[in-house]
Amino acid sequence: MVSVDFVITQLITGVSIGSQLFLVAVGLSLIFGVMDVLNFAHGVLYMIGAYVVVLFSTGGELLGFTFPQLGIWAGLVLAMLVVGLIGAGMEWGFIRRVYDREPLDQLLLTFAFVLIFTDIIRELFGAATSIGPPAQLAGKLLLPAGYTISTYRAFVIMMSVLTMAALLATLRYTNVGRKVRATASDRDMAQLLGVNVPLLYTAVFFVGAALAGLGGALSAPILSIKPVLGDQVIIQSFIVVVLGGLGSFGGAFIGAYIIGIMSAMGPVIGVTGAGELMPFLAMILILLVKPEGMFGSVEA
């Protein structure tokens, strides 16, 4: 018999997992929603973000150069910046050349970056590493009815909510957001109206990659950081965006939390591997019943 306390504890864990997934999936959804590019390299960008925050928060050495020990907060900012610039370079140098080709060509190109970056990271950093949360967030928060949650996990949940709010506000109330929505709706018309579409695409890829870097950096104190980290998260991220609807931020937010809770509820069911299996079953069900996702729309 599973106790109520155990179920609630797993539910809290699931919300924490969902917040981490959202920070990755929202960048993937942004890039696809605006550019119609399925960026398979998004997971490896997440992994690079985790390594960048480790490098700058611990003051590690790389290629004979000793990096300054700036702390995790500066590491978070630098992870977003470094990964964003890598993403922008990928778009500017390679991906923009395959926009008008088959989606499979885009997928194969981004998958090539997965192989390249994974091997580079493995060569530079070797085996798994880890860091702890910042001292300010090392404790626990008391929830109603005596339940607790790690202060750092609560911080990550808060960051996911703030990220969602910032993205929606930017897209809805700023001139840049209006240009992004116009370009996503009709690229050719936006270009005729004076929007610099190539520059906008590079900027969108920068933001999407930076969000992946932020997700990886925030996950660094929670997960074991290793070169295959990106492979693990990209599959879950694709499930999230399929469940919520490709290109839908609200769908990515709700889908991430649904998948996080499903994954955490595996031990509650008592079936070995149920936590890993349930998200895939949810994806299959949504593809059969509503292929465009919960918050997506069928293309005309």
C-alpha atoms as a PDB file:
ATOM      1  CA  MET A   1       0.000   0.000   0.000  1.00  0.00           C
ATOM      2  CA  VAL A   2       1.467   3.346  -1.087  1.00  0.00           C
ATOM      3  CA  SER A   3       1.183   6.078   1.526  1.00  0.00           C
ATOM      4  CA  VAL A   4      -0.253   9.519   0.825  1.00  0.00           C
ATOM      5  CA  ASP A   5       2.986  11.094   2.042  1.00  0.00           C
ATOM      6  CA  PHE A   6       4.978   9.180  -0.572  1.00  0.00           C
ATOM      7  CA  VAL A   7       2.589  10.213  -3.356  1.00  0.00           C
ATOM      8  CA  ILE A   8       2.815  13.891  -2.376  1.00  0.00           C
ATOM      9  CA  THR A   9       6.612  13.687  -2.116  1.00  0.00           C
ATOM     10  CA  GLN A  10       6.798  12.219  -5.614  1.00  0.00           C
ATOM     11  CA  LEU A  11       4.404  14.880  -6.883  1.00  0.00           C
ATOM     12  CA  ILE A  12       6.716  17.602  -5.560  1.00  0.00           C
ATOM     13  CA  THR A  13       9.648  15.853  -7.236  1.00  0.00           C
ATOM     14  CA  GLY A  14       7.673  15.693 -10.489  1.00  0.00           C
ATOM     15  CA  VAL A  15       7.024  19.437 -10.421  1.00  0.00           C
ATOM     16  CA  SER A  16      10.758  20.005  -9.971  1.00  0.00           C
ATOM     17  CA  ILE A  17      11.574  17.726 -12.921  1.00  0.00           C
ATOM     18  CA  GLY A  18       8.943  19.510 -15.013  1.00  0.00           C
ATOM     19  CA  SER A  19      10.477  22.913 -14.333  1.00  0.00           C
ATOM     20  CA  GLN A  20      13.863  21.695 -15.570  1.00  0.00           C
ATOM     21  CA  LEU A  21      12.297  20.165 -18.683  1.00  0.00           C
ATOM     22  CA  PHE A  22      10.411  23.346 -19.497  1.00  0.00           C
ATOM     23  CA  LEU A  23      13.564  25.465 -19.570  1.00  0.00           C
ATOM     24  CA  VAL A  24      14.918  23.159 -22.283  1.00  0.00           C
ATOM     25  CA  ALA A  25      11.719  22.485 -24.203  1.00  0.00           C
ATOM     26  CA  VAL A  26      10.673  26.141 -24.453  1.00  0.00           C
ATOM     27  CA  GLY A  27      13.792  27.019 -26.462  1.00  0.00           C
ATOM     28  CA  LEU A  28      13.153  24.063 -28.751  1.00  0.00           C
ATOM     29  CA  SER A  29       9.549  25.183 -29.166  1.00  0.00           C
ATOM     30  CA  LEU A  30      10.574  28.795 -29.836  1.00  0.00           C
ATOM     31  CA  ILE A  31      12.982  27.819 -32.620  1.00  0.00           C
ATOM     32  CA  PHE A  32      10.474  25.521 -34.270  1.00  0.00           C
ATOM     33  CA  GLY A  33       7.552  27.929 -33.874  1.00  0.00           C
ATOM     34  CA  VAL A  34       9.368  30.801 -35.571  1.00  0.00           C
ATOM     35  CA  MET A  35      11.733  29.023 -37.960  1.00  0.00           C
ATOM     36  CA  ASP A  36      10.182  25.569 -38.554  1.00  0.00           C
ATOM     37  CA  VAL A  37      13.513  23.982 -37.644  1.00  0.00           C
ATOM     38  CA  LEU A  38      13.634  20.885 -35.443  1.00  0.00           C
ATOM     39  CA  ASN A  39      16.923  21.484 -33.682  1.00  0.00           C
ATOM     40  CA  PHE A  40      18.154  18.050 -32.644  1.00  0.00           C
ATOM     41  CA  ALA A  41      21.293  19.701 -31.210  1.00  0.00           C
ATOM     42  CA  HIS A  42      19.226  21.443 -28.533  1.00  0.00           C
ATOM     43  CA  GLY A  43      20.076  18.756 -25.977  1.00  0.00           C
ATOM     44  CA  VAL A  44      23.799  19.128 -26.521  1.00  0.00           C
ATOM     45  CA  LEU A  45      23.471  22.896 -26.042  1.00  0.00           C
ATOM     46  CA  TYR A  46      21.825  22.124 -22.703  1.00  0.00           C
ATOM     47  CA  MET A  47      24.796  19.906 -21.837  1.00  0.00           C
ATOM     48  CA  ILE A  48      27.288  22.638 -22.786  1.00  0.00           C
ATOM     49  CA  GLY A  49      25.451  25.057 -20.484  1.00  0.00           C
ATOM     50  CA  ALA A  50      25.966  22.659 -17.579  1.00  0.00           C
ATOM     51  CA  TYR A  51      29.692  22.377 -18.298  1.00  0.00           C
ATOM     52  CA  VAL A  52      30.102  26.146 -18.654  1.00  0.00           C
ATOM     53  CA  VAL A  53      28.595  26.794 -15.230  1.00  0.00           C
ATOM     54  CA  VAL A  54      30.865  24.149 -13.700  1.00  0.00           C
ATOM     55  CA  LEU A  55      33.905  25.702 -15.368  1.00  0.00           C
ATOM     56  CA  PHE A  56      33.234  29.215 -14.109  1.00  0.00           C
ATOM     57  CA  SER A  57      31.783  28.360 -10.703  1.00  0.00           C
ATOM     58  CA  THR A  58      34.722  26.136  -9.716  1.00  0.00           C
ATOM     59  CA  GLY A  59      37.508  27.924 -11.572  1.00  0.00           C
ATOM     60  CA  GLY A  60      38.515  24.874 -13.588  1.00  0.00           C
ATOM     61  CA  GLU A  61      41.359  24.498 -16.049  1.00  0.00           C
ATOM     62  CA  LEU A  62      40.865  23.935 -19.766  1.00  0.00           C
ATOM     63  CA  LEU A  63      43.492  23.708 -22.527  1.00  0.00           C
ATOM     64  CA  GLY A  64      46.137  25.064 -20.169  1.00  0.00           C
ATOM     65  CA  PHE A  65      44.054  28.099 -19.192  1.00  0.00           C
ATOM     66  CA  THR A  66      42.742  28.474 -15.630  1.00  0.00           C
ATOM     67  CA  PHE A  67      39.326  30.074 -15.540  1.00  0.00           C
ATOM     68  CA  PRO A  68      38.467  32.535 -12.766  1.00  0.00           C
ATOM     69  CA  GLN A  69      36.268  31.203  -9.985  1.00  0.00           C
ATOM     70  CA  LEU A  70      33.299  33.526 -10.430  1.00  0.00           C
ATOM     71  CA  GLY A  71      30.641  31.551  -8.584  1.00  0.00           C
ATOM     72  CA  ILE A  72      27.471  29.915  -9.798  1.00  0.00           C
ATOM     73  CA  TRP A  73      25.488  33.136 -10.325  1.00  0.00           C
ATOM     74  CA  ALA A  74      27.995  34.561 -12.793  1.00  0.00           C
ATOM     75  CA  GLY A  75      28.249  31.061 -14.253  1.00  0.00           C
ATOM     76  CA  LEU A  76      24.513  31.065 -15.031  1.00  0.00           C
ATOM     77  CA  VAL A  77      24.796  34.312 -16.979  1.00  0.00           C
ATOM     78  CA  LEU A  78      27.918  33.166 -18.824  1.00  0.00           C
ATOM     79  CA  ALA A  79      26.302  29.818 -19.652  1.00  0.00           C
ATOM     80  CA  MET A  80      23.407  31.616 -21.333  1.00  0.00           C
ATOM     81  CA  LEU A  81      25.765  33.933 -23.211  1.00  0.00           C
ATOM     82  CA  VAL A  82      28.224  31.252 -24.357  1.00  0.00           C
ATOM     83  CA  VAL A  83      25.560  28.763 -25.432  1.00  0.00           C
ATOM     84  CA  GLY A  84      23.522  31.514 -27.086  1.00  0.00           C
ATOM     85  CA  LEU A  85      26.546  32.554 -29.149  1.00  0.00           C
ATOM     86  CA  ILE A  86      27.230  28.936 -30.113  1.00  0.00           C
ATOM     87  CA  GLY A  87      23.606  28.585 -31.226  1.00  0.00           C
ATOM     88  CA  ALA A  88      23.731  31.836 -33.194  1.00  0.00           C
ATOM     89  CA  GLY A  89      26.937  30.679 -34.884  1.00  0.00           C
ATOM     90  CA  MET A  90      25.284  27.369 -35.826  1.00  0.00           C
ATOM     91  CA  GLU A  91      22.352  29.202 -37.382  1.00  0.00           C
ATOM     92  CA  TRP A  92      24.429  31.826 -39.192  1.00  0.00           C
ATOM     93  CA  GLY A  93      27.088  29.479 -40.483  1.00  0.00           C
ATOM     94  CA  PHE A  94      25.125  26.344 -41.298  1.00  0.00           C
ATOM     95  CA  ILE A  95      21.408  26.031 -40.587  1.00  0.00           C
ATOM     96  CA  ARG A  96      20.261  29.037 -42.628  1.00  0.00           C
ATOM     97  CA  ARG A  97      21.598  27.279 -45.705  1.00  0.00           C
ATOM     98  CA  VAL A  98      19.057  24.447 -45.392  1.00  0.00           C
ATOM     99  CA  TYR A  99      15.872  26.422 -44.576  1.00  0.00           C
ATOM    100  CA  ASP A 100      14.302  25.672 -47.946  1.00  0.00           C
ATOM    101  CA  ARG A 101      15.321  22.027 -48.011  1.00  0.00           C
ATOM    102  CA  GLU A 102      13.608  18.938 -46.629  1.00  0.00           C
ATOM    103  CA  PRO A 103      13.134  18.762 -42.825  1.00  0.00           C
ATOM    104  CA  LEU A 104      15.247  15.604 -42.842  1.00  0.00           C
ATOM    105  CA  ASP A 105      18.234  17.653 -44.070  1.00  0.00           C
ATOM    106  CA  GLN A 106      17.813  20.051 -41.133  1.00  0.00           C
ATOM    107  CA  LEU A 107      17.524  17.153 -38.708  1.00  0.00           C
ATOM    108  CA  LEU A 108      20.646  15.449 -40.060  1.00  0.00           C
ATOM    109  CA  LEU A 109      22.616  18.708 -39.941  1.00  0.00           C
ATOM    110  CA  THR A 110      21.700  19.398 -36.309  1.00  0.00           C
ATOM    111  CA  PHE A 111      22.363  15.752 -35.419  1.00  0.00           C
ATOM    112  CA  ALA A 112      25.873  16.170 -36.843  1.00  0.00           C
ATOM    113  CA  PHE A 113      26.417  18.948 -34.278  1.00  0.00           C
ATOM    114  CA  VAL A 114      25.344  16.512 -31.550  1.00  0.00           C
ATOM    115  CA  LEU A 115      28.112  14.106 -32.522  1.00  0.00           C
ATOM    116  CA  ILE A 116      30.711  16.859 -32.928  1.00  0.00           C
ATOM    117  CA  PHE A 117      30.006  18.686 -29.659  1.00  0.00           C
ATOM    118  CA  THR A 118      29.641  15.470 -27.643  1.00  0.00           C
ATOM    119  CA  ASP A 119      33.060  14.258 -28.761  1.00  0.00           C
ATOM    120  CA  ILE A 120      34.633  17.669 -28.096  1.00  0.00           C
ATOM    121  CA  ILE A 121      33.179  17.818 -24.568  1.00  0.00           C
ATOM    122  CA  ARG A 122      34.244  14.226 -23.861  1.00  0.00           C
ATOM    123  CA  GLU A 123      37.779  15.029 -25.010  1.00  0.00           C
ATOM    124  CA  LEU A 124      37.992  18.265 -23.010  1.00  0.00           C
ATOM    125  CA  PHE A 125      36.281  17.251 -19.765  1.00  0.00           C
ATOM    126  CA  GLY A 126      36.389  13.461 -19.675  1.00  0.00           C
ATOM    127  CA  ALA A 127      34.206  11.683 -17.115  1.00  0.00           C
ATOM    128  CA  ALA A 128      31.231  12.954 -15.186  1.00  0.00           C
ATOM    129  CA  THR A 129      31.477  15.884 -12.801  1.00  0.00           C
ATOM    130  CA  SER A 130      29.121  17.727 -10.467  1.00  0.00           C
ATOM    131  CA  ILE A 131      28.734  20.819  -8.316  1.00  0.00           C
ATOM    132  CA  GLY A 132      26.542  21.718  -5.363  1.00  0.00           C
ATOM    133  CA  PRO A 133      23.893  24.446  -5.155  1.00  0.00           C
ATOM    134  CA  PRO A 134      24.929  27.942  -4.050  1.00  0.00           C
ATOM    135  CA  ALA A 135      25.195  28.444  -0.307  1.00  0.00           C
ATOM    136  CA  GLN A 136      22.204  30.816  -0.309  1.00  0.00           C
ATOM    137  CA  LEU A 137      19.962  28.031  -1.659  1.00  0.00           C
ATOM    138  CA  ALA A 138      21.388  25.022   0.149  1.00  0.00           C
ATOM    139  CA  GLY A 139      18.570  24.496   2.651  1.00  0.00           C
ATOM    140  CA  LYS A 140      14.971  23.327   2.484  1.00  0.00           C
ATOM    141  CA  LEU A 141      11.657  25.160   2.334  1.00  0.00           C
ATOM    142  CA  LEU A 142       8.771  24.113   4.550  1.00  0.00           C
ATOM    143  CA  LEU A 143       5.538  23.506   2.654  1.00  0.00           C
ATOM    144  CA  PRO A 144       2.016  23.146   4.086  1.00  0.00           C
ATOM    145  CA  ALA A 145       1.261  19.960   6.067  1.00  0.00           C
ATOM    146  CA  GLY A 146       4.935  19.572   6.978  1.00  0.00           C
ATOM    147  CA  TYR A 147       6.254  18.677   3.529  1.00  0.00           C
ATOM    148  CA  THR A 148       9.564  20.113   2.350  1.00  0.00           C
ATOM    149  CA  ILE A 149      11.308  20.926  -0.888  1.00  0.00           C
ATOM    150  CA  SER A 150      14.915  21.772  -1.589  1.00  0.00           C
ATOM    151  CA  THR A 151      15.363  25.539  -1.696  1.00  0.00           C
ATOM    152  CA  TYR A 152      17.341  25.197  -4.910  1.00  0.00           C
ATOM    153  CA  ARG A 153      14.625  23.097  -6.578  1.00  0.00           C
ATOM    154  CA  ALA A 154      12.070  25.728  -5.558  1.00  0.00           C
ATOM    155  CA  PHE A 155      14.318  28.343  -7.152  1.00  0.00           C
ATOM    156  CA  VAL A 156      14.420  26.362 -10.425  1.00  0.00           C
ATOM    157  CA  ILE A 157      10.602  26.128 -10.395  1.00  0.00           C
ATOM    158  CA  MET A 158      10.387  29.885  -9.873  1.00  0.00           C
ATOM    159  CA  MET A 159      12.829  30.448 -12.758  1.00  0.00           C
ATOM    160  CA  SER A 160      10.672  28.363 -15.099  1.00  0.00           C
ATOM    161  CA  VAL A 161       7.588  30.423 -14.230  1.00  0.00           C
ATOM    162  CA  LEU A 162       9.472  33.717 -14.645  1.00  0.00           C
ATOM    163  CA  THR A 163      10.900  32.550 -17.986  1.00  0.00           C
ATOM    164  CA  MET A 164       7.423  31.686 -19.247  1.00  0.00           C
ATOM    165  CA  ALA A 165       6.063  35.069 -18.139  1.00  0.00           C
ATOM    166  CA  ALA A 166       8.992  36.976 -19.691  1.00  0.00           C
ATOM    167  CA  LEU A 167       8.626  35.195 -23.043  1.00  0.00           C
ATOM    168  CA  LEU A 168       4.879  35.793 -23.235  1.00  0.00           C
ATOM    169  CA  ALA A 169       5.254  39.449 -22.246  1.00  0.00           C
ATOM    170  CA  THR A 170       8.010  39.993 -24.815  1.00  0.00           C
ATOM    171  CA  LEU A 171       6.058  38.392 -27.646  1.00  0.00           C
ATOM    172  CA  ARG A 172       2.812  40.149 -26.790  1.00  0.00           C
ATOM    173  CA  TYR A 173       3.822  43.642 -25.752  1.00  0.00           C
ATOM    174  CA  THR A 174       7.111  44.525 -27.491  1.00  0.00           C
ATOM    175  CA  ASN A 175       7.931  45.571 -31.034  1.00  0.00           C
ATOM    176  CA  VAL A 176      10.442  42.718 -31.306  1.00  0.00           C
ATOM    177  CA  GLY A 177       7.748  40.300 -30.228  1.00  0.00           C
ATOM    178  CA  ARG A 178       5.386  41.588 -32.905  1.00  0.00           C
ATOM    179  CA  LYS A 179       8.096  41.106 -35.546  1.00  0.00           C
ATOM    180  CA  VAL A 180       8.729  37.567 -34.320  1.00  0.00           C
ATOM    181  CA  ARG A 181       5.027  36.706 -34.483  1.00  0.00           C
ATOM    182  CA  ALA A 182       4.691  38.279 -37.923  1.00  0.00           C
ATOM    183  CA  THR A 183       7.690  36.358 -39.247  1.00  0.00           C
ATOM    184  CA  ALA A 184       6.407  33.098 -37.759  1.00  0.00           C
ATOM    185  CA  SER A 185       3.062  33.692 -39.469  1.00  0.00           C
ATOM    186  CA  ASP A 186       4.367  34.709 -42.921  1.00  0.00           C
ATOM    187  CA  ARG A 187       8.107  35.050 -43.481  1.00  0.00           C
ATOM    188  CA  ASP A 188       7.845  36.507 -46.998  1.00  0.00           C
ATOM    189  CA  MET A 189       5.272  39.134 -46.015  1.00  0.00           C
ATOM    190  CA  ALA A 190       7.334  40.169 -42.984  1.00  0.00           C
ATOM    191  CA  GLN A 191      10.382  40.611 -45.211  1.00  0.00           C
ATOM    192  CA  LEU A 192       8.382  42.764 -47.639  1.00  0.00           C
ATOM    193  CA  LEU A 193       7.319  44.934 -44.700  1.00  0.00           C
ATOM    194  CA  GLY A 194      10.955  45.627 -43.814  1.00  0.00           C
ATOM    195  CA  VAL A 195      11.748  42.960 -41.221  1.00  0.00           C
ATOM    196  CA  ASN A 196      15.346  41.749 -41.453  1.00  0.00           C
ATOM    197  CA  VAL A 197      14.375  38.069 -41.406  1.00  0.00           C
ATOM    198  CA  PRO A 198      17.909  36.567 -41.455  1.00  0.00           C
ATOM    199  CA  LEU A 199      18.947  38.738 -38.497  1.00  0.00           C
ATOM    200  CA  LEU A 200      15.708  37.935 -36.677  1.00  0.00           C
ATOM    201  CA  TYR A 201      16.257  34.217 -37.224  1.00  0.00           C
ATOM    202  CA  THR A 202      19.774  34.453 -35.792  1.00  0.00           C
ATOM    203  CA  ALA A 203      18.420  36.351 -32.773  1.00  0.00           C
ATOM    204  CA  VAL A 204      15.686  33.766 -32.216  1.00  0.00           C
ATOM    205  CA  PHE A 205      18.226  30.953 -32.403  1.00  0.00           C
ATOM    206  CA  PHE A 206      20.420  32.851 -29.928  1.00  0.00           C
ATOM    207  CA  VAL A 207      17.535  33.139 -27.455  1.00  0.00           C
ATOM    208  CA  GLY A 208      16.449  29.520 -27.927  1.00  0.00           C
ATOM    209  CA  ALA A 209      20.014  28.267 -27.423  1.00  0.00           C
ATOM    210  CA  ALA A 210      20.517  30.581 -24.423  1.00  0.00           C
ATOM    211  CA  LEU A 211      17.405  29.074 -22.811  1.00  0.00           C
ATOM    212  CA  ALA A 212      18.886  25.610 -23.337  1.00  0.00           C
ATOM    213  CA  GLY A 213      22.112  26.856 -21.720  1.00  0.00           C
ATOM    214  CA  LEU A 214      20.140  28.272 -18.786  1.00  0.00           C
ATOM    215  CA  GLY A 215      18.337  24.962 -18.354  1.00  0.00           C
ATOM    216  CA  GLY A 216      21.619  23.055 -18.334  1.00  0.00           C
ATOM    217  CA  ALA A 217      23.268  25.508 -15.956  1.00  0.00           C
ATOM    218  CA  LEU A 218      20.361  25.351 -13.511  1.00  0.00           C
ATOM    219  CA  SER A 219      20.370  21.542 -13.650  1.00  0.00           C
ATOM    220  CA  ALA A 220      24.111  21.299 -12.917  1.00  0.00           C
ATOM    221  CA  PRO A 221      23.726  21.276  -9.095  1.00  0.00           C
ATOM    222  CA  ILE A 222      20.992  18.628  -9.343  1.00  0.00           C
ATOM    223  CA  LEU A 223      22.275  16.159 -11.947  1.00  0.00           C
ATOM    224  CA  SER A 224      25.502  14.317 -12.660  1.00  0.00           C
ATOM    225  CA  ILE A 225      27.058  16.203 -15.576  1.00  0.00           C
ATOM    226  CA  LYS A 226      28.440  13.975 -18.324  1.00  0.00           C
ATOM    227  CA  PRO A 227      28.840  14.127 -22.113  1.00  0.00           C
ATOM    228  CA  VAL A 228      25.685  12.039 -22.732  1.00  0.00           C
ATOM    229  CA  LEU A 229      23.517  14.423 -20.700  1.00  0.00           C
ATOM    230  CA  GLY A 230      22.193  16.048 -23.866  1.00  0.00           C
ATOM    231  CA  ASP A 231      21.080  12.707 -25.314  1.00  0.00           C
ATOM    232  CA  GLN A 232      18.939  12.066 -22.263  1.00  0.00           C
ATOM    233  CA  VAL A 233      17.203  15.432 -22.183  1.00  0.00           C
ATOM    234  CA  ILE A 234      16.510  15.910 -25.909  1.00  0.00           C
ATOM    235  CA  ILE A 235      14.211  12.872 -26.044  1.00  0.00           C
ATOM    236  CA  GLN A 236      12.171  14.139 -23.106  1.00  0.00           C
ATOM    237  CA  SER A 237      12.093  17.633 -24.627  1.00  0.00           C
ATOM    238  CA  PHE A 238      10.707  16.316 -27.903  1.00  0.00           C
ATOM    239  CA  ILE A 239       8.017  14.452 -25.968  1.00  0.00           C
ATOM    240  CA  VAL A 240       7.134  17.707 -24.178  1.00  0.00           C
ATOM    241  CA  VAL A 241       6.795  19.774 -27.360  1.00  0.00           C
ATOM    242  CA  VAL A 242       4.822  17.022 -29.132  1.00  0.00           C
ATOM    243  CA  LEU A 243       2.496  16.734 -26.151  1.00  0.00           C
ATOM    244  CA  GLY A 244       1.981  20.479 -25.784  1.00  0.00           C
ATOM    245  CA  GLY A 245       2.024  21.337 -29.484  1.00  0.00           C
ATOM    246  CA  LEU A 246       5.032  22.303 -31.593  1.00  0.00           C
ATOM    247  CA  GLY A 247       5.600  26.037 -31.313  1.00  0.00           C
ATOM    248  CA  SER A 248       3.286  26.547 -28.322  1.00  0.00           C
ATOM    249  CA  PHE A 249       4.882  28.067 -25.214  1.00  0.00           C
ATOM    250  CA  GLY A 250       1.847  27.352 -23.053  1.00  0.00           C
ATOM    251  CA  GLY A 251       1.856  23.804 -24.350  1.00  0.00           C
ATOM    252  CA  ALA A 252       5.559  23.419 -23.551  1.00  0.00           C
ATOM    253  CA  PHE A 253       4.949  24.719 -20.015  1.00  0.00           C
ATOM    254  CA  ILE A 254       2.026  22.423 -19.235  1.00  0.00           C
ATOM    255  CA  GLY A 255       3.503  19.496 -21.166  1.00  0.00           C
ATOM    256  CA  ALA A 256       6.792  19.733 -19.255  1.00  0.00           C
ATOM    257  CA  TYR A 257       5.054  19.585 -15.905  1.00  0.00           C
ATOM    258  CA  ILE A 258       2.839  16.694 -17.030  1.00  0.00           C
ATOM    259  CA  ILE A 259       5.868  14.699 -18.192  1.00  0.00           C
ATOM    260  CA  GLY A 260       7.792  15.576 -15.029  1.00  0.00           C
ATOM    261  CA  ILE A 261       4.968  14.365 -12.802  1.00  0.00           C
ATOM    262  CA  MET A 262       4.497  11.211 -14.889  1.00  0.00           C
ATOM    263  CA  SER A 263       8.194  10.394 -14.604  1.00  0.00           C
ATOM    264  CA  ALA A 264       8.160  10.882 -10.839  1.00  0.00           C
ATOM    265  CA  MET A 265       5.000   8.814 -10.355  1.00  0.00           C
ATOM    266  CA  GLY A 266       6.641   5.636 -11.670  1.00  0.00           C
ATOM    267  CA  PRO A 267       7.596   4.351  -8.183  1.00  0.00           C
ATOM    268  CA  VAL A 268       4.038   5.058  -6.974  1.00  0.00           C
ATOM    269  CA  ILE A 269       2.623   2.629  -9.531  1.00  0.00           C
ATOM    270  CA  GLY A 270       5.110   0.014  -8.420  1.00  0.00           C
ATOM    271  CA  VAL A 271       5.955  -1.236 -11.918  1.00  0.00           C
ATOM    272  CA  THR A 272       9.636  -1.304 -12.854  1.00  0.00           C
ATOM    273  CA  GLY A 273      10.399   1.293 -15.520  1.00  0.00           C
ATOM    274  CA  ALA A 274       6.922   2.874 -15.359  1.00  0.00           C
ATOM    275  CA  GLY A 275       8.391   6.349 -14.886  1.00  0.00           C
ATOM    276  CA  GLU A 276      10.352   6.064 -18.131  1.00  0.00           C
ATOM    277  CA  LEU A 277       7.496   4.408 -20.026  1.00  0.00           C
ATOM    278  CA  MET A 278       4.583   6.696 -19.125  1.00  0.00           C
ATOM    279  CA  PRO A 279       5.794   9.803 -21.034  1.00  0.00           C
ATOM    280  CA  PHE A 280       6.150   7.729 -24.219  1.00  0.00           C
ATOM    281  CA  LEU A 281       2.652   6.329 -23.760  1.00  0.00           C
ATOM    282  CA  ALA A 282       1.340   9.878 -23.315  1.00  0.00           C
ATOM    283  CA  MET A 283       3.057  10.951 -26.540  1.00  0.00           C
ATOM    284  CA  ILE A 284       1.609   8.004 -28.476  1.00  0.00           C
ATOM    285  CA  LEU A 285      -1.860   8.772 -27.138  1.00  0.00           C
ATOM    286  CA  ILE A 286      -1.695  12.463 -28.054  1.00  0.00           C
ATOM    287  CA  LEU A 287      -0.426  11.624 -31.552  1.00  0.00           C
ATOM    288  CA  LEU A 288      -3.370   9.279 -32.067  1.00  0.00           C
ATOM    289  CA  VAL A 289      -6.055  11.548 -30.604  1.00  0.00           C
ATOM    290  CA  LYS A 290      -4.767  15.077 -31.289  1.00  0.00           C
ATOM    291  CA  PRO A 291      -1.654  14.973 -33.524  1.00  0.00           C
ATOM    292  CA  GLU A 292      -1.142  18.745 -33.358  1.00  0.00           C
ATOM    293  CA  GLY A 293      -0.718  18.562 -29.574  1.00  0.00           C
ATOM    294  CA  MET A 294      -2.818  19.900 -26.720  1.00  0.00           C
ATOM    295  CA  PHE A 295      -2.321  23.553 -27.645  1.00  0.00           C
ATOM    296  CA  GLY A 296      -1.252  23.250 -31.275  1.00  0.00           C
ATOM    297  CA  SER A 297      -3.333  23.786 -34.378  1.00  0.00           C
ATOM    298  CA  VAL A 298      -3.602  21.815 -37.572  1.00  0.00           C
ATOM    299  CA  GLU A 299      -1.823  23.489 -40.481  1.00  0.00           C
ATOM    300  CA  ALA A 300      -3.987  24.423 -43.425  1.00  0.00           C
END
